[in-house]
Amino acid sequence: MHRQLAHLRHVMSPLDLSVEELDKIMDLAADMEAKPEKYAHAAERLKLAALFYEPSTRTRLSFETAMLNLGGQVIGFHSATSSSATKGESVADTVRVAAQFADIVAMRHPKEGAPMVAASVSPVPVINAGDGGHQHPTQTLADLMTIRTCKGRLSDMTVGICGDLKFGRTVHSLISALVRYPNVKFVLISPEELQLPSYVKEDVLKANNIDYVEKIRLEEALPDLDILYMTRVQKERFFNEDDYVRMKDFYVLNREKLQAAKKDMYVLHPLPRVNEIAVDVDDDPRAAYFNQVYWGMYMRMALMYTLLELEVKEC
């Protein structure tokens, strides 16, 4: 028997959470970080099914650690080859089976919309842990929490997004989330071949009257930015090896280039990085990409806590 939830909810996109809900989840994550012992048994005897059809390091480990920190347990698989997908089992059937054993599901899948299919049949909450080049909502939660922690706000800033804006699901999710905060402007930095898709420009930026400019050169954009969100050129999204090789070193942020940036501009990256951020940036106080990993785990704790409708007694 599944736990009886007052409201069964799934999270496929950051837009599935209102700004008020996002703020509450961020406040909860901050409390979890400050008082871990308070939440150490919140999910006791509950299980997370981590269904990862696509390789992942940070997201999978983050979800698993988040559930363990809540006192719960983790089951699942870390690649399609270790699941019955190799026998032709559908996503819908896999999630129906997993839900017999687990109380909540985190799914990563290379096909856009696969977690939505899972959510349509699942009797337990499903969290999209990344679907193709589409959405990656929990990475966006980590991004928002990192920006809020570094800058003290999520409004009144200029955000530069650099690299693969065409295939980057983290980029699409972050833009969709940030446009809901006041006075956020974007500088979109990419080669022409990897520009932000027109549907994101039309349906998200222009539809919300958001100021944005497109640039090719990172150096030209750096002095105006409050946040720089770097992304890697994703080899797995390219059909042509030659195109990937030509694009992969288009942007490299190093200590020398960073001198042109504001003293309080923070650098984020969803990771893994290849060589788009040089290691000589790592010890700069503005390098916030490992903080994203740190806050990502707490945000996943807070999200699962919220979807599972958990409560802890105040000491």
C-alpha atoms as a PDB file:
ATOM      1  CA  MET A   1       0.000   0.000   0.000  1.00  0.00           C
ATOM      2  CA  HIS A   2       1.213   3.486  -0.877  1.00  0.00           C
ATOM      3  CA  ARG A   3       1.221   6.284   1.652  1.00  0.00           C
ATOM      4  CA  GLN A   4      -1.936   8.331   1.421  1.00  0.00           C
ATOM      5  CA  LEU A   5      -1.005  11.789   0.147  1.00  0.00           C
ATOM      6  CA  ALA A   6      -3.417  14.682   0.367  1.00  0.00           C
ATOM      7  CA  HIS A   7      -2.299  15.768  -3.115  1.00  0.00           C
ATOM      8  CA  LEU A   8      -0.341  13.563  -5.506  1.00  0.00           C
ATOM      9  CA  ARG A   9       2.043  15.891  -7.344  1.00  0.00           C
ATOM     10  CA  HIS A  10       4.758  15.383  -9.908  1.00  0.00           C
ATOM     11  CA  VAL A  11       7.548  17.785 -10.912  1.00  0.00           C
ATOM     12  CA  MET A  12       8.361  17.758 -14.621  1.00  0.00           C
ATOM     13  CA  SER A  13       9.436  21.390 -14.951  1.00  0.00           C
ATOM     14  CA  PRO A  14      10.370  24.256 -12.618  1.00  0.00           C
ATOM     15  CA  LEU A  15       7.057  25.820 -13.657  1.00  0.00           C
ATOM     16  CA  ASP A  16       5.232  23.045 -11.804  1.00  0.00           C
ATOM     17  CA  LEU A  17       6.212  24.983  -8.672  1.00  0.00           C
ATOM     18  CA  SER A  18       4.961  28.498  -8.055  1.00  0.00           C
ATOM     19  CA  VAL A  19       7.379  31.240  -7.022  1.00  0.00           C
ATOM     20  CA  GLU A  20       5.922  31.027  -3.510  1.00  0.00           C
ATOM     21  CA  GLU A  21       6.503  27.262  -3.436  1.00  0.00           C
ATOM     22  CA  LEU A  22      10.049  27.695  -4.732  1.00  0.00           C
ATOM     23  CA  ASP A  23      10.760  30.217  -1.989  1.00  0.00           C
ATOM     24  CA  LYS A  24       9.384  27.811   0.641  1.00  0.00           C
ATOM     25  CA  ILE A  25      11.499  24.946  -0.709  1.00  0.00           C
ATOM     26  CA  MET A  26      14.604  27.149  -0.639  1.00  0.00           C
ATOM     27  CA  ASP A  27      13.844  28.204   2.939  1.00  0.00           C
ATOM     28  CA  LEU A  28      13.347  24.537   3.851  1.00  0.00           C
ATOM     29  CA  ALA A  29      16.642  23.569   2.190  1.00  0.00           C
ATOM     30  CA  ALA A  30      18.442  26.261   4.191  1.00  0.00           C
ATOM     31  CA  ASP A  31      16.901  24.909   7.417  1.00  0.00           C
ATOM     32  CA  MET A  32      17.913  21.367   6.470  1.00  0.00           C
ATOM     33  CA  GLU A  33      21.483  22.517   5.939  1.00  0.00           C
ATOM     34  CA  ALA A  34      21.520  24.348   9.278  1.00  0.00           C
ATOM     35  CA  LYS A  35      19.773  21.599  11.294  1.00  0.00           C
ATOM     36  CA  PRO A  36      20.394  18.216   9.608  1.00  0.00           C
ATOM     37  CA  GLU A  37      19.560  16.230  12.741  1.00  0.00           C
ATOM     38  CA  LYS A  38      16.039  17.674  12.742  1.00  0.00           C
ATOM     39  CA  TYR A  39      15.255  15.897   9.438  1.00  0.00           C
ATOM     40  CA  ALA A  40      17.379  12.756   9.874  1.00  0.00           C
ATOM     41  CA  HIS A  41      14.369  10.454  10.345  1.00  0.00           C
ATOM     42  CA  ALA A  42      11.709  12.324   8.344  1.00  0.00           C
ATOM     43  CA  ALA A  43      11.495   9.669   5.589  1.00  0.00           C
ATOM     44  CA  GLU A  44      12.149   6.604   7.725  1.00  0.00           C
ATOM     45  CA  ARG A  45      10.877   3.377   6.079  1.00  0.00           C
ATOM     46  CA  LEU A  46      10.237   5.256   2.817  1.00  0.00           C
ATOM     47  CA  LYS A  47      11.992   4.442  -0.444  1.00  0.00           C
ATOM     48  CA  LEU A  48      13.136   6.396  -3.493  1.00  0.00           C
ATOM     49  CA  ALA A  49      13.232   4.587  -6.843  1.00  0.00           C
ATOM     50  CA  ALA A  50      16.073   6.171  -8.842  1.00  0.00           C
ATOM     51  CA  LEU A  51      15.347   5.142 -12.443  1.00  0.00           C
ATOM     52  CA  PHE A  52      18.280   6.413 -14.493  1.00  0.00           C
ATOM     53  CA  TYR A  53      18.117   5.350 -18.140  1.00  0.00           C
ATOM     54  CA  GLU A  54      21.030   7.685 -18.918  1.00  0.00           C
ATOM     55  CA  PRO A  55      24.450   7.988 -17.211  1.00  0.00           C
ATOM     56  CA  SER A  56      24.636  10.458 -14.341  1.00  0.00           C
ATOM     57  CA  THR A  57      27.038  11.162 -11.509  1.00  0.00           C
ATOM     58  CA  ARG A  58      25.950  14.298  -9.652  1.00  0.00           C
ATOM     59  CA  THR A  59      22.189  14.033 -10.080  1.00  0.00           C
ATOM     60  CA  ARG A  60      21.957  10.359  -9.139  1.00  0.00           C
ATOM     61  CA  LEU A  61      24.333  10.629  -6.173  1.00  0.00           C
ATOM     62  CA  SER A  62      22.566  13.813  -5.077  1.00  0.00           C
ATOM     63  CA  PHE A  63      19.123  12.189  -5.091  1.00  0.00           C
ATOM     64  CA  GLU A  64      20.414   9.100  -3.319  1.00  0.00           C
ATOM     65  CA  THR A  65      22.241  11.108  -0.654  1.00  0.00           C
ATOM     66  CA  ALA A  66      19.203  13.345  -0.186  1.00  0.00           C
ATOM     67  CA  MET A  67      16.949  10.352   0.531  1.00  0.00           C
ATOM     68  CA  LEU A  68      19.498   8.753   2.863  1.00  0.00           C
ATOM     69  CA  ASN A  69      19.846  12.057   4.748  1.00  0.00           C
ATOM     70  CA  LEU A  70      16.087  12.029   5.282  1.00  0.00           C
ATOM     71  CA  GLY A  71      16.361   8.561   6.804  1.00  0.00           C
ATOM     72  CA  GLY A  72      14.928   6.775   3.762  1.00  0.00           C
ATOM     73  CA  GLN A  73      16.270   4.111   1.414  1.00  0.00           C
ATOM     74  CA  VAL A  74      17.088   3.955  -2.298  1.00  0.00           C
ATOM     75  CA  ILE A  75      16.372   1.330  -4.959  1.00  0.00           C
ATOM     76  CA  GLY A  76      16.655   1.529  -8.754  1.00  0.00           C
ATOM     77  CA  PHE A  77      19.103   1.264 -11.637  1.00  0.00           C
ATOM     78  CA  HIS A  78      21.790   3.519 -13.103  1.00  0.00           C
ATOM     79  CA  SER A  79      21.550   2.695 -16.814  1.00  0.00           C
ATOM     80  CA  ALA A  80      18.980   1.360 -19.259  1.00  0.00           C
ATOM     81  CA  THR A  81      21.145  -1.713 -19.832  1.00  0.00           C
ATOM     82  CA  SER A  82      20.617  -2.810 -16.236  1.00  0.00           C
ATOM     83  CA  SER A  83      16.826  -2.568 -16.482  1.00  0.00           C
ATOM     84  CA  SER A  84      14.089  -4.469 -18.305  1.00  0.00           C
ATOM     85  CA  ALA A  85      14.153  -1.729 -20.947  1.00  0.00           C
ATOM     86  CA  THR A  86      16.614  -4.041 -22.711  1.00  0.00           C
ATOM     87  CA  LYS A  87      13.741  -6.543 -22.997  1.00  0.00           C
ATOM     88  CA  GLY A  88      11.426  -3.921 -24.434  1.00  0.00           C
ATOM     89  CA  GLU A  89       9.565  -2.934 -21.264  1.00  0.00           C
ATOM     90  CA  SER A  90       7.873   0.457 -21.599  1.00  0.00           C
ATOM     91  CA  VAL A  91       8.572   3.422 -19.327  1.00  0.00           C
ATOM     92  CA  ALA A  92       4.951   3.278 -18.152  1.00  0.00           C
ATOM     93  CA  ASP A  93       5.239  -0.354 -17.093  1.00  0.00           C
ATOM     94  CA  THR A  94       8.626   0.184 -15.434  1.00  0.00           C
ATOM     95  CA  VAL A  95       7.284   2.994 -13.263  1.00  0.00           C
ATOM     96  CA  ARG A  96       4.170   0.971 -12.376  1.00  0.00           C
ATOM     97  CA  VAL A  97       6.458  -1.810 -11.162  1.00  0.00           C
ATOM     98  CA  ALA A  98       8.802   0.557  -9.293  1.00  0.00           C
ATOM     99  CA  ALA A  99       5.830   2.158  -7.557  1.00  0.00           C
ATOM    100  CA  GLN A 100       4.983  -1.198  -5.986  1.00  0.00           C
ATOM    101  CA  PHE A 101       8.219  -0.935  -4.023  1.00  0.00           C
ATOM    102  CA  ALA A 102       8.875   2.794  -3.678  1.00  0.00           C
ATOM    103  CA  ASP A 103       7.129   5.914  -2.370  1.00  0.00           C
ATOM    104  CA  ILE A 104       8.646   8.395  -4.819  1.00  0.00           C
ATOM    105  CA  VAL A 105      10.439   8.135  -8.188  1.00  0.00           C
ATOM    106  CA  ALA A 106      13.283  10.160  -9.738  1.00  0.00           C
ATOM    107  CA  MET A 107      13.649   9.456 -13.470  1.00  0.00           C
ATOM    108  CA  ARG A 108      16.320  10.463 -15.967  1.00  0.00           C
ATOM    109  CA  HIS A 109      15.713   9.505 -19.572  1.00  0.00           C
ATOM    110  CA  PRO A 110      17.319  10.469 -22.910  1.00  0.00           C
ATOM    111  CA  LYS A 111      13.910  10.897 -24.568  1.00  0.00           C
ATOM    112  CA  GLU A 112      12.032  14.132 -24.027  1.00  0.00           C
ATOM    113  CA  GLY A 113       8.702  13.567 -22.320  1.00  0.00           C
ATOM    114  CA  ALA A 114       9.493  10.113 -20.908  1.00  0.00           C
ATOM    115  CA  PRO A 115       9.112  11.240 -17.248  1.00  0.00           C
ATOM    116  CA  MET A 116       5.765  12.801 -18.232  1.00  0.00           C
ATOM    117  CA  VAL A 117       4.617   9.412 -19.512  1.00  0.00           C
ATOM    118  CA  ALA A 118       5.734   7.886 -16.210  1.00  0.00           C
ATOM    119  CA  ALA A 119       3.893  10.537 -14.210  1.00  0.00           C
ATOM    120  CA  SER A 120       0.670   9.929 -16.157  1.00  0.00           C
ATOM    121  CA  VAL A 121       0.409   6.376 -14.755  1.00  0.00           C
ATOM    122  CA  SER A 122       2.319   6.568 -11.473  1.00  0.00           C
ATOM    123  CA  PRO A 123       0.483   6.306  -8.138  1.00  0.00           C
ATOM    124  CA  VAL A 124       3.484   7.956  -6.406  1.00  0.00           C
ATOM    125  CA  PRO A 125       5.229  11.305  -7.065  1.00  0.00           C
ATOM    126  CA  VAL A 126       7.584  11.363 -10.053  1.00  0.00           C
ATOM    127  CA  ILE A 127      10.432  13.879 -10.340  1.00  0.00           C
ATOM    128  CA  ASN A 128      11.985  14.558 -13.725  1.00  0.00           C
ATOM    129  CA  ALA A 129      15.747  14.162 -13.209  1.00  0.00           C
ATOM    130  CA  GLY A 130      16.460  15.238 -16.799  1.00  0.00           C
ATOM    131  CA  ASP A 131      14.801  14.290 -20.086  1.00  0.00           C
ATOM    132  CA  GLY A 132      16.838  14.684 -23.264  1.00  0.00           C
ATOM    133  CA  GLY A 133      17.474  18.321 -24.122  1.00  0.00           C
ATOM    134  CA  HIS A 134      14.164  19.342 -22.564  1.00  0.00           C
ATOM    135  CA  GLN A 135      14.023  20.026 -18.809  1.00  0.00           C
ATOM    136  CA  HIS A 136      16.086  19.426 -15.679  1.00  0.00           C
ATOM    137  CA  PRO A 137      14.033  20.969 -12.870  1.00  0.00           C
ATOM    138  CA  THR A 138      16.068  19.820  -9.866  1.00  0.00           C
ATOM    139  CA  GLN A 139      19.243  21.264 -11.397  1.00  0.00           C
ATOM    140  CA  THR A 140      17.297  24.505 -11.679  1.00  0.00           C
ATOM    141  CA  LEU A 141      16.412  24.291  -7.984  1.00  0.00           C
ATOM    142  CA  ALA A 142      20.127  23.946  -7.240  1.00  0.00           C
ATOM    143  CA  ASP A 143      20.886  26.900  -9.527  1.00  0.00           C
ATOM    144  CA  LEU A 144      18.279  29.141  -7.907  1.00  0.00           C
ATOM    145  CA  MET A 145      19.411  28.267  -4.390  1.00  0.00           C
ATOM    146  CA  THR A 146      23.042  28.928  -5.301  1.00  0.00           C
ATOM    147  CA  ILE A 147      22.238  32.303  -6.857  1.00  0.00           C
ATOM    148  CA  ARG A 148      20.077  33.301  -3.879  1.00  0.00           C
ATOM    149  CA  THR A 149      22.784  32.245  -1.427  1.00  0.00           C
ATOM    150  CA  CYS A 150      25.546  34.081  -3.320  1.00  0.00           C
ATOM    151  CA  LYS A 151      23.642  37.250  -4.237  1.00  0.00           C
ATOM    152  CA  GLY A 152      20.982  37.371  -1.524  1.00  0.00           C
ATOM    153  CA  ARG A 153      18.240  37.685  -4.139  1.00  0.00           C
ATOM    154  CA  LEU A 154      16.814  36.287  -7.375  1.00  0.00           C
ATOM    155  CA  SER A 155      15.711  39.620  -8.832  1.00  0.00           C
ATOM    156  CA  ASP A 156      17.370  42.736 -10.269  1.00  0.00           C
ATOM    157  CA  MET A 157      20.300  41.122 -12.040  1.00  0.00           C
ATOM    158  CA  THR A 158      21.881  40.465 -15.417  1.00  0.00           C
ATOM    159  CA  VAL A 159      22.470  36.786 -16.088  1.00  0.00           C
ATOM    160  CA  GLY A 160      24.874  35.647 -18.789  1.00  0.00           C
ATOM    161  CA  ILE A 161      24.385  32.135 -20.139  1.00  0.00           C
ATOM    162  CA  CYS A 162      27.282  30.851 -22.196  1.00  0.00           C
ATOM    163  CA  GLY A 163      27.934  27.820 -24.389  1.00  0.00           C
ATOM    164  CA  ASP A 164      25.450  25.279 -25.650  1.00  0.00           C
ATOM    165  CA  LEU A 165      22.132  27.110 -25.450  1.00  0.00           C
ATOM    166  CA  LYS A 166      20.510  24.946 -28.111  1.00  0.00           C
ATOM    167  CA  PHE A 167      20.664  21.526 -26.459  1.00  0.00           C
ATOM    168  CA  GLY A 168      21.244  22.564 -22.837  1.00  0.00           C
ATOM    169  CA  ARG A 169      18.225  21.428 -20.829  1.00  0.00           C
ATOM    170  CA  THR A 170      19.614  23.153 -17.730  1.00  0.00           C
ATOM    171  CA  VAL A 171      19.631  26.437 -19.671  1.00  0.00           C
ATOM    172  CA  HIS A 172      16.017  26.089 -20.806  1.00  0.00           C
ATOM    173  CA  SER A 173      14.837  25.250 -17.290  1.00  0.00           C
ATOM    174  CA  LEU A 174      16.798  28.074 -15.650  1.00  0.00           C
ATOM    175  CA  ILE A 175      15.516  30.724 -18.064  1.00  0.00           C
ATOM    176  CA  SER A 176      11.919  29.538 -17.545  1.00  0.00           C
ATOM    177  CA  ALA A 177      12.343  29.833 -13.780  1.00  0.00           C
ATOM    178  CA  LEU A 178      14.188  33.166 -13.618  1.00  0.00           C
ATOM    179  CA  VAL A 179      11.766  35.086 -15.857  1.00  0.00           C
ATOM    180  CA  ARG A 180       9.263  34.945 -12.986  1.00  0.00           C
ATOM    181  CA  TYR A 181      11.458  37.177 -10.818  1.00  0.00           C
ATOM    182  CA  PRO A 182      11.456  40.975 -11.272  1.00  0.00           C
ATOM    183  CA  ASN A 183      13.991  42.797 -13.432  1.00  0.00           C
ATOM    184  CA  VAL A 184      16.103  39.859 -14.594  1.00  0.00           C
ATOM    185  CA  LYS A 185      17.909  40.433 -17.892  1.00  0.00           C
ATOM    186  CA  PHE A 186      19.752  37.869 -19.999  1.00  0.00           C
ATOM    187  CA  VAL A 187      22.874  37.947 -22.135  1.00  0.00           C
ATOM    188  CA  LEU A 188      22.845  34.843 -24.352  1.00  0.00           C
ATOM    189  CA  ILE A 189      26.419  33.981 -25.370  1.00  0.00           C
ATOM    190  CA  SER A 190      26.850  31.260 -27.983  1.00  0.00           C
ATOM    191  CA  PRO A 191      28.054  30.535 -31.502  1.00  0.00           C
ATOM    192  CA  GLU A 192      25.281  30.864 -34.090  1.00  0.00           C
ATOM    193  CA  GLU A 193      25.000  27.086 -34.389  1.00  0.00           C
ATOM    194  CA  LEU A 194      24.178  26.699 -30.684  1.00  0.00           C
ATOM    195  CA  GLN A 195      21.876  29.663 -30.104  1.00  0.00           C
ATOM    196  CA  LEU A 196      18.870  29.415 -27.811  1.00  0.00           C
ATOM    197  CA  PRO A 197      15.990  27.764 -29.720  1.00  0.00           C
ATOM    198  CA  SER A 198      13.482  30.188 -31.204  1.00  0.00           C
ATOM    199  CA  TYR A 199      10.612  28.622 -29.242  1.00  0.00           C
ATOM    200  CA  VAL A 200      12.340  29.514 -25.949  1.00  0.00           C
ATOM    201  CA  LYS A 201      12.926  33.073 -27.155  1.00  0.00           C
ATOM    202  CA  GLU A 202       9.324  33.455 -28.297  1.00  0.00           C
ATOM    203  CA  ASP A 203       7.406  31.479 -25.655  1.00  0.00           C
ATOM    204  CA  VAL A 204       9.496  32.375 -22.610  1.00  0.00           C
ATOM    205  CA  LEU A 205      11.532  35.557 -23.126  1.00  0.00           C
ATOM    206  CA  LYS A 206       9.408  37.607 -25.530  1.00  0.00           C
ATOM    207  CA  ALA A 207       6.125  36.339 -24.069  1.00  0.00           C
ATOM    208  CA  ASN A 208       7.192  37.683 -20.668  1.00  0.00           C
ATOM    209  CA  ASN A 209       8.700  40.933 -22.046  1.00  0.00           C
ATOM    210  CA  ILE A 210      12.163  39.975 -20.799  1.00  0.00           C
ATOM    211  CA  ASP A 211      15.163  42.002 -21.942  1.00  0.00           C
ATOM    212  CA  TYR A 212      17.829  39.910 -23.637  1.00  0.00           C
ATOM    213  CA  VAL A 213      20.710  40.313 -26.043  1.00  0.00           C
ATOM    214  CA  GLU A 214      22.644  37.709 -28.005  1.00  0.00           C
ATOM    215  CA  LYS A 215      26.423  37.851 -28.236  1.00  0.00           C
ATOM    216  CA  ILE A 216      29.087  35.610 -29.688  1.00  0.00           C
ATOM    217  CA  ARG A 217      32.097  36.806 -27.665  1.00  0.00           C
ATOM    218  CA  LEU A 218      32.242  36.043 -23.932  1.00  0.00           C
ATOM    219  CA  GLU A 219      34.837  38.766 -23.302  1.00  0.00           C
ATOM    220  CA  GLU A 220      32.431  41.411 -24.620  1.00  0.00           C
ATOM    221  CA  ALA A 221      29.681  40.337 -22.217  1.00  0.00           C
ATOM    222  CA  LEU A 222      31.626  39.725 -18.988  1.00  0.00           C
ATOM    223  CA  PRO A 223      31.820  43.256 -17.484  1.00  0.00           C
ATOM    224  CA  ASP A 224      28.017  43.650 -17.338  1.00  0.00           C
ATOM    225  CA  LEU A 225      27.120  40.352 -15.680  1.00  0.00           C
ATOM    226  CA  ASP A 226      26.000  39.583 -12.130  1.00  0.00           C
ATOM    227  CA  ILE A 227      25.879  35.827 -12.814  1.00  0.00           C
ATOM    228  CA  LEU A 228      27.710  33.836 -15.497  1.00  0.00           C
ATOM    229  CA  TYR A 229      26.218  30.411 -16.180  1.00  0.00           C
ATOM    230  CA  MET A 230      28.708  28.356 -18.197  1.00  0.00           C
ATOM    231  CA  THR A 231      27.710  25.156 -19.982  1.00  0.00           C
ATOM    232  CA  ARG A 232      29.608  22.459 -21.809  1.00  0.00           C
ATOM    233  CA  VAL A 233      29.111  21.590 -25.439  1.00  0.00           C
ATOM    234  CA  GLN A 234      27.324  18.259 -25.096  1.00  0.00           C
ATOM    235  CA  LYS A 235      28.882  15.599 -27.272  1.00  0.00           C
ATOM    236  CA  GLU A 236      25.961  13.233 -26.705  1.00  0.00           C
ATOM    237  CA  ARG A 237      23.510  15.696 -28.300  1.00  0.00           C
ATOM    238  CA  PHE A 238      25.480  15.972 -31.575  1.00  0.00           C
ATOM    239  CA  PHE A 239      24.821  13.772 -34.565  1.00  0.00           C
ATOM    240  CA  ASN A 240      28.028  14.824 -36.310  1.00  0.00           C
ATOM    241  CA  GLU A 241      31.457  14.315 -34.693  1.00  0.00           C
ATOM    242  CA  ASP A 242      33.039  17.060 -36.824  1.00  0.00           C
ATOM    243  CA  ASP A 243      30.496  19.620 -35.601  1.00  0.00           C
ATOM    244  CA  TYR A 244      31.223  18.680 -31.995  1.00  0.00           C
ATOM    245  CA  VAL A 245      34.997  18.968 -32.433  1.00  0.00           C
ATOM    246  CA  ARG A 246      34.576  22.389 -34.059  1.00  0.00           C
ATOM    247  CA  MET A 247      32.356  23.689 -31.238  1.00  0.00           C
ATOM    248  CA  LYS A 248      33.773  22.119 -28.082  1.00  0.00           C
ATOM    249  CA  ASP A 249      36.506  24.701 -27.414  1.00  0.00           C
ATOM    250  CA  PHE A 250      34.568  27.758 -28.529  1.00  0.00           C
ATOM    251  CA  TYR A 251      34.495  29.188 -24.979  1.00  0.00           C
ATOM    252  CA  VAL A 252      37.074  28.742 -22.253  1.00  0.00           C
ATOM    253  CA  LEU A 253      36.793  30.856 -19.088  1.00  0.00           C
ATOM    254  CA  ASN A 254      40.113  31.323 -17.328  1.00  0.00           C
ATOM    255  CA  ARG A 255      41.545  33.516 -14.572  1.00  0.00           C
ATOM    256  CA  GLU A 256      42.794  36.115 -17.032  1.00  0.00           C
ATOM    257  CA  LYS A 257      39.379  36.622 -18.651  1.00  0.00           C
ATOM    258  CA  LEU A 258      37.719  36.698 -15.225  1.00  0.00           C
ATOM    259  CA  GLN A 259      39.633  39.876 -14.381  1.00  0.00           C
ATOM    260  CA  ALA A 260      37.174  41.788 -16.575  1.00  0.00           C
ATOM    261  CA  ALA A 261      34.201  40.668 -14.467  1.00  0.00           C
ATOM    262  CA  LYS A 262      32.646  42.343 -11.436  1.00  0.00           C
ATOM    263  CA  LYS A 263      34.081  41.448  -8.037  1.00  0.00           C
ATOM    264  CA  ASP A 264      30.688  40.067  -7.015  1.00  0.00           C
ATOM    265  CA  MET A 265      29.866  38.207 -10.237  1.00  0.00           C
ATOM    266  CA  TYR A 266      29.504  34.482  -9.561  1.00  0.00           C
ATOM    267  CA  VAL A 267      30.289  31.676 -11.990  1.00  0.00           C
ATOM    268  CA  LEU A 268      27.908  28.716 -12.128  1.00  0.00           C
ATOM    269  CA  HIS A 269      28.074  25.516 -14.167  1.00  0.00           C
ATOM    270  CA  PRO A 270      25.706  22.500 -14.062  1.00  0.00           C
ATOM    271  CA  LEU A 271      28.701  20.145 -14.460  1.00  0.00           C
ATOM    272  CA  PRO A 272      30.307  18.026 -15.709  1.00  0.00           C
ATOM    273  CA  ARG A 273      32.763  20.497 -17.191  1.00  0.00           C
ATOM    274  CA  VAL A 274      35.141  19.461 -19.908  1.00  0.00           C
ATOM    275  CA  ASN A 275      37.491  22.393 -20.500  1.00  0.00           C
ATOM    276  CA  GLU A 276      35.138  25.388 -20.704  1.00  0.00           C
ATOM    277  CA  ILE A 277      36.241  26.539 -17.228  1.00  0.00           C
ATOM    278  CA  ALA A 278      39.979  26.333 -16.612  1.00  0.00           C
ATOM    279  CA  VAL A 279      41.054  24.855 -13.285  1.00  0.00           C
ATOM    280  CA  ASP A 280      42.778  28.131 -12.405  1.00  0.00           C
ATOM    281  CA  VAL A 281      39.291  29.578 -11.814  1.00  0.00           C
ATOM    282  CA  ASP A 282      38.460  27.002  -9.107  1.00  0.00           C
ATOM    283  CA  ASP A 283      40.073  28.890  -6.231  1.00  0.00           C
ATOM    284  CA  ASP A 284      38.526  32.234  -7.201  1.00  0.00           C
ATOM    285  CA  PRO A 285      35.899  33.216  -4.568  1.00  0.00           C
ATOM    286  CA  ARG A 286      33.457  33.833  -7.428  1.00  0.00           C
ATOM    287  CA  ALA A 287      33.551  30.169  -8.518  1.00  0.00           C
ATOM    288  CA  ALA A 288      30.223  28.788  -7.295  1.00  0.00           C
ATOM    289  CA  TYR A 289      29.828  25.591  -9.344  1.00  0.00           C
ATOM    290  CA  PHE A 290      30.791  23.184  -6.557  1.00  0.00           C
ATOM    291  CA  ASN A 291      28.399  25.093  -4.278  1.00  0.00           C
ATOM    292  CA  GLN A 292      25.702  24.159  -6.785  1.00  0.00           C
ATOM    293  CA  VAL A 293      26.391  20.489  -6.135  1.00  0.00           C
ATOM    294  CA  TYR A 294      26.212  21.120  -2.392  1.00  0.00           C
ATOM    295  CA  TRP A 295      22.928  23.029  -2.536  1.00  0.00           C
ATOM    296  CA  GLY A 296      21.489  20.631  -5.119  1.00  0.00           C
ATOM    297  CA  MET A 297      21.424  17.847  -2.552  1.00  0.00           C
ATOM    298  CA  TYR A 298      19.591  20.010   0.003  1.00  0.00           C
ATOM    299  CA  MET A 299      17.108  21.209  -2.611  1.00  0.00           C
ATOM    300  CA  ARG A 300      16.356  17.594  -3.592  1.00  0.00           C
ATOM    301  CA  MET A 301      15.873  16.787   0.095  1.00  0.00           C
ATOM    302  CA  ALA A 302      13.468  19.700   0.412  1.00  0.00           C
ATOM    303  CA  LEU A 303      11.593  18.790  -2.769  1.00  0.00           C
ATOM    304  CA  MET A 304      11.103  15.141  -1.794  1.00  0.00           C
ATOM    305  CA  TYR A 305      10.119  16.210   1.723  1.00  0.00           C
ATOM    306  CA  THR A 306       7.483  18.509   0.196  1.00  0.00           C
ATOM    307  CA  LEU A 307       6.098  16.013  -2.350  1.00  0.00           C
ATOM    308  CA  LEU A 308       5.938  13.254   0.263  1.00  0.00           C
ATOM    309  CA  GLU A 309       4.107  15.659   2.610  1.00  0.00           C
ATOM    310  CA  LEU A 310       6.488  14.862   5.456  1.00  0.00           C
ATOM    311  CA  GLU A 311       6.511  16.591   8.795  1.00  0.00           C
ATOM    312  CA  VAL A 312       8.963  16.689  11.672  1.00  0.00           C
ATOM    313  CA  LYS A 313       8.199  17.578  15.232  1.00  0.00           C
ATOM    314  CA  GLU A 314       9.769  20.824  16.348  1.00  0.00           C
ATOM    315  CA  CYS A 315      12.245  20.292  19.185  1.00  0.00           C
END
